[in-house]
Amino acid sequence: MKVVISSLLLGAALLLAHAGEAQTAPAATPAQGTTPAPATTPQPAAARRVLAPRRVVAPRRAGAAAPTRAKTSGVMAKDGLTLQNGRVILTELGLTAPIEQDKRLLNGTIITTKGVVTNVEGVTSQMAEGDYVSLTGRLTSKREMVEADSVRKLVAYDLKHPGKRKEMEKAREKAEKERAKAEKEAAKAKAKAGR
């Protein structure tokens, strides 16, 4: 049984190695009169990065100004309703406009032009500045959105810099210990000088 498993693993390794060699570009044959390029060792498949093909762009004429792009805020508004400057703003299919009359959502929730939200059970609540109601009727306060955004930023930072926050925490704790030790020694020296 062990022999069969080891032979299967060996066969899989050979197949992976062969597949990695097949994906690399074949070496070009050297032209006459040139020396062949030195042979390089093939990189493992994990070390190679596959890049997207480059986009073809016409060269810019000499002295021509760089093309200008339309400036956007870069923020894509989610579909739903928000309260801004005391007005309820509806964003639907990327179009944003204030509502002129009460809006009934998919689940039966009604939102007035003043920001009063009445759900299906009849419970009413007033939207605060910056609150968001999805088109399905879920009310999210501005504070909840800020907390979710900060958690999202921490997760993104952890993905970009794995282990960095732990290192920073250890460095902070070490600095606190050193500061406490220095204060303790200073107090000891002061008590000794005061005798």
Protein backbone atom coordinates (compact mmCIF):
# COMPACT_ATOMS: atom_id res chain seq x y z
CA MET A 1 0.00 0.00 0.00
CA LYS A 2 2.85 2.38 0.89
CA VAL A 3 4.54 1.60 -2.41
CA VAL A 4 1.38 2.46 -4.35
CA ILE A 5 0.93 5.77 -2.51
CA SER A 6 4.57 6.78 -2.97
CA SER A 7 4.46 5.89 -6.69
CA LEU A 8 1.26 7.94 -7.11
CA LEU A 9 2.86 10.91 -5.38
CA LEU A 10 5.98 10.57 -7.56
CA GLY A 11 3.82 10.40 -10.69
CA ALA A 12 1.87 13.49 -9.65
CA ALA A 13 5.11 15.39 -9.03
CA LEU A 14 6.41 14.43 -12.47
CA LEU A 15 3.16 15.51 -14.11
CA LEU A 16 3.30 18.88 -12.35
CA ALA A 17 6.91 19.38 -13.41
CA HIS A 18 6.08 18.47 -16.99
CA ALA A 19 3.05 20.78 -17.01
CA GLY A 20 5.22 23.62 -15.70
CA GLU A 21 7.75 23.10 -18.49
CA ALA A 22 5.01 22.95 -21.11
CA GLN A 23 3.66 26.35 -20.03
CA THR A 24 6.97 28.14 -20.42
CA ALA A 25 7.77 29.66 -23.79
CA PRO A 26 10.02 27.50 -25.97
CA ALA A 27 13.55 28.81 -26.29
CA ALA A 28 14.24 30.61 -29.55
CA THR A 29 16.89 29.06 -31.77
CA PRO A 30 19.94 31.30 -31.97
CA ALA A 31 20.63 33.01 -35.27
CA GLN A 32 23.78 32.16 -37.22
CA GLY A 33 26.85 33.89 -35.93
CA THR A 34 25.49 34.44 -32.42
CA THR A 35 26.25 32.56 -29.29
CA PRO A 36 23.44 30.69 -27.60
CA ALA A 37 22.09 32.17 -24.37
CA PRO A 38 23.16 30.41 -21.19
CA ALA A 39 20.68 27.84 -19.97
CA THR A 40 18.69 28.97 -16.97
CA THR A 41 17.11 26.75 -14.42
CA PRO A 42 13.33 26.65 -14.70
CA GLN A 43 11.52 28.51 -11.93
CA PRO A 44 8.92 26.72 -9.84
CA ALA A 45 5.33 27.35 -10.90
CA ALA A 46 4.61 29.37 -7.75
CA ALA A 47 7.50 31.78 -8.50
CA ARG A 48 6.30 32.63 -12.02
CA ARG A 49 3.66 35.28 -12.34
CA VAL A 50 1.27 35.33 -15.24
CA LEU A 51 0.68 38.88 -16.40
CA ALA A 52 -2.25 40.14 -18.39
CA PRO A 53 -1.49 41.11 -21.97
CA ARG A 54 -0.60 44.74 -22.46
CA ARG A 55 -3.08 47.13 -23.97
CA VAL A 56 -2.06 48.59 -27.34
CA VAL A 57 -1.81 52.38 -27.12
CA ALA A 58 -0.96 54.79 -29.91
CA PRO A 59 2.24 56.72 -29.22
CA ARG A 60 1.82 60.33 -28.12
CA ARG A 61 3.00 62.98 -30.56
CA ALA A 62 6.00 65.03 -29.52
CA GLY A 63 4.94 68.26 -27.79
CA ALA A 64 1.33 67.12 -27.42
CA ALA A 65 -0.34 67.61 -24.06
CA ALA A 66 -1.22 64.58 -21.99
CA PRO A 67 -4.86 63.56 -22.40
CA THR A 68 -7.13 64.72 -19.59
CA ARG A 69 -9.50 62.37 -17.86
CA ALA A 70 -12.85 63.13 -16.36
CA LYS A 71 -12.49 63.63 -12.62
CA THR A 72 -14.75 61.61 -10.38
CA SER A 73 -14.94 61.32 -6.65
CA GLY A 74 -14.13 57.61 -6.94
CA VAL A 75 -16.98 56.73 -4.60
CA MET A 76 -19.71 54.50 -5.92
CA ALA A 77 -22.96 55.03 -4.07
CA LYS A 78 -24.81 51.88 -3.08
CA ASP A 79 -28.42 51.53 -4.14
CA GLY A 80 -30.64 52.69 -1.30
CA LEU A 81 -31.76 55.78 0.56
CA THR A 82 -29.65 58.13 2.68
CA LEU A 83 -30.47 61.25 4.67
CA GLN A 84 -28.26 64.17 3.60
CA ASN A 85 -28.83 67.78 4.67
CA GLY A 86 -32.30 66.89 5.94
CA ARG A 87 -33.40 65.40 2.59
CA VAL A 88 -33.85 61.75 1.70
CA ILE A 89 -31.67 60.88 -1.31
CA LEU A 90 -32.50 57.79 -3.40
CA THR A 91 -29.77 56.00 -5.34
CA GLU A 92 -31.11 53.43 -7.77
CA LEU A 93 -29.20 51.84 -10.66
CA GLY A 94 -26.40 54.38 -10.14
CA LEU A 95 -28.71 57.39 -10.45
CA THR A 96 -29.05 59.64 -7.40
CA ALA A 97 -31.88 62.10 -6.77
CA PRO A 98 -33.92 63.34 -3.80
CA ILE A 99 -37.31 61.67 -3.39
CA GLU A 100 -40.37 63.85 -4.05
CA GLN A 101 -42.96 61.54 -2.48
CA ASP A 102 -43.03 58.69 0.02
CA LYS A 103 -41.16 55.59 -1.15
CA ARG A 104 -42.43 52.02 -0.58
CA LEU A 105 -39.68 49.38 -0.60
CA LEU A 106 -39.80 45.70 -1.58
CA ASN A 107 -40.61 44.44 1.91
CA GLY A 108 -43.36 47.02 2.46
CA THR A 109 -41.28 49.54 4.42
CA ILE A 110 -42.35 53.14 3.77
CA ILE A 111 -39.92 56.06 3.88
CA THR A 112 -41.25 59.62 3.91
CA THR A 113 -39.53 62.62 2.37
CA LYS A 114 -38.57 63.76 5.91
CA GLY A 115 -36.80 60.47 6.72
CA VAL A 116 -39.41 58.70 8.83
CA VAL A 117 -39.09 54.94 8.30
CA THR A 118 -42.18 52.77 8.96
CA ASN A 119 -41.61 49.03 8.68
CA VAL A 120 -44.20 46.34 7.94
CA GLU A 121 -45.05 45.82 11.63
CA GLY A 122 -45.83 49.54 11.99
CA VAL A 123 -42.71 50.46 14.00
CA THR A 124 -41.51 53.93 13.03
CA SER A 125 -38.06 55.43 13.42
CA GLN A 126 -36.49 58.69 12.29
CA MET A 127 -33.39 58.54 10.09
CA ALA A 128 -30.44 60.56 11.39
CA GLU A 129 -28.02 62.46 9.17
CA GLY A 130 -25.93 59.95 7.17
CA ASP A 131 -28.11 56.89 7.93
CA TYR A 132 -28.71 54.43 5.10
CA VAL A 133 -31.73 52.27 4.22
CA SER A 134 -31.22 49.52 1.63
CA LEU A 135 -33.83 48.91 -1.04
CA THR A 136 -34.84 45.79 0.88
CA GLY A 137 -35.69 47.92 3.95
CA ARG A 138 -32.68 47.36 6.21
CA LEU A 139 -31.79 50.50 8.21
CA THR A 140 -28.08 51.03 8.93
CA SER A 141 -26.87 53.90 11.08
CA LYS A 142 -23.85 55.98 10.17
CA ARG A 143 -22.01 54.65 13.22
CA GLU A 144 -22.55 51.03 12.10
CA MET A 145 -21.22 51.89 8.64
CA VAL A 146 -18.10 53.52 10.12
CA GLU A 147 -17.45 50.49 12.35
CA ALA A 148 -17.90 48.09 9.42
CA ASP A 149 -15.57 50.23 7.30
CA SER A 150 -12.87 50.25 9.98
CA VAL A 151 -13.09 46.45 10.32
CA ARG A 152 -12.87 46.15 6.53
CA LYS A 153 -9.76 48.36 6.54
CA LEU A 154 -8.13 46.25 9.27
CA VAL A 155 -8.80 43.06 7.31
CA ALA A 156 -7.38 44.61 4.14
CA TYR A 157 -4.29 45.79 6.07
CA ASP A 158 -3.80 42.32 7.53
CA LEU A 159 -4.02 40.78 4.06
CA LYS A 160 -1.53 43.29 2.66
CA HIS A 161 0.88 43.12 5.64
CA PRO A 162 0.47 39.73 7.34
CA GLY A 163 1.71 39.74 10.95
CA LYS A 164 2.55 43.44 10.91
CA ARG A 165 -0.07 44.44 13.51
CA LYS A 166 1.20 41.73 15.90
CA GLU A 167 4.77 42.99 15.45
CA MET A 168 3.64 46.55 16.14
CA GLU A 169 1.77 45.42 19.27
CA LYS A 170 4.86 43.54 20.54
CA ALA A 171 7.04 46.60 19.86
CA ARG A 172 4.57 48.83 21.75
CA GLU A 173 4.52 46.44 24.73
CA LYS A 174 8.32 46.30 24.73
CA ALA A 175 8.55 50.10 24.68
CA GLU A 176 6.06 50.32 27.57
CA LYS A 177 8.11 47.82 29.62
CA GLU A 178 11.31 49.76 28.93
CA ARG A 179 9.63 53.05 29.88
CA ALA A 180 8.27 51.52 33.11
CA LYS A 181 11.72 50.10 33.90
CA ALA A 182 13.35 53.49 33.28
CA GLU A 183 10.77 55.21 35.51
CA LYS A 184 11.34 52.61 38.23
CA GLU A 185 15.12 53.11 38.05
CA ALA A 186 14.68 56.90 38.11
CA ALA A 187 12.46 56.62 41.18
CA LYS A 188 14.99 54.30 42.84
CA ALA A 189 17.84 56.71 42.08
CA LYS A 190 15.78 59.65 43.40
CA ALA A 191 14.96 57.75 46.62
CA LYS A 192 18.64 56.85 47.02
CA ALA A 193 19.72 60.47 46.49
CA GLY A 194 17.11 61.66 48.99
CA ARG A 195 18.54 59.55 51.88
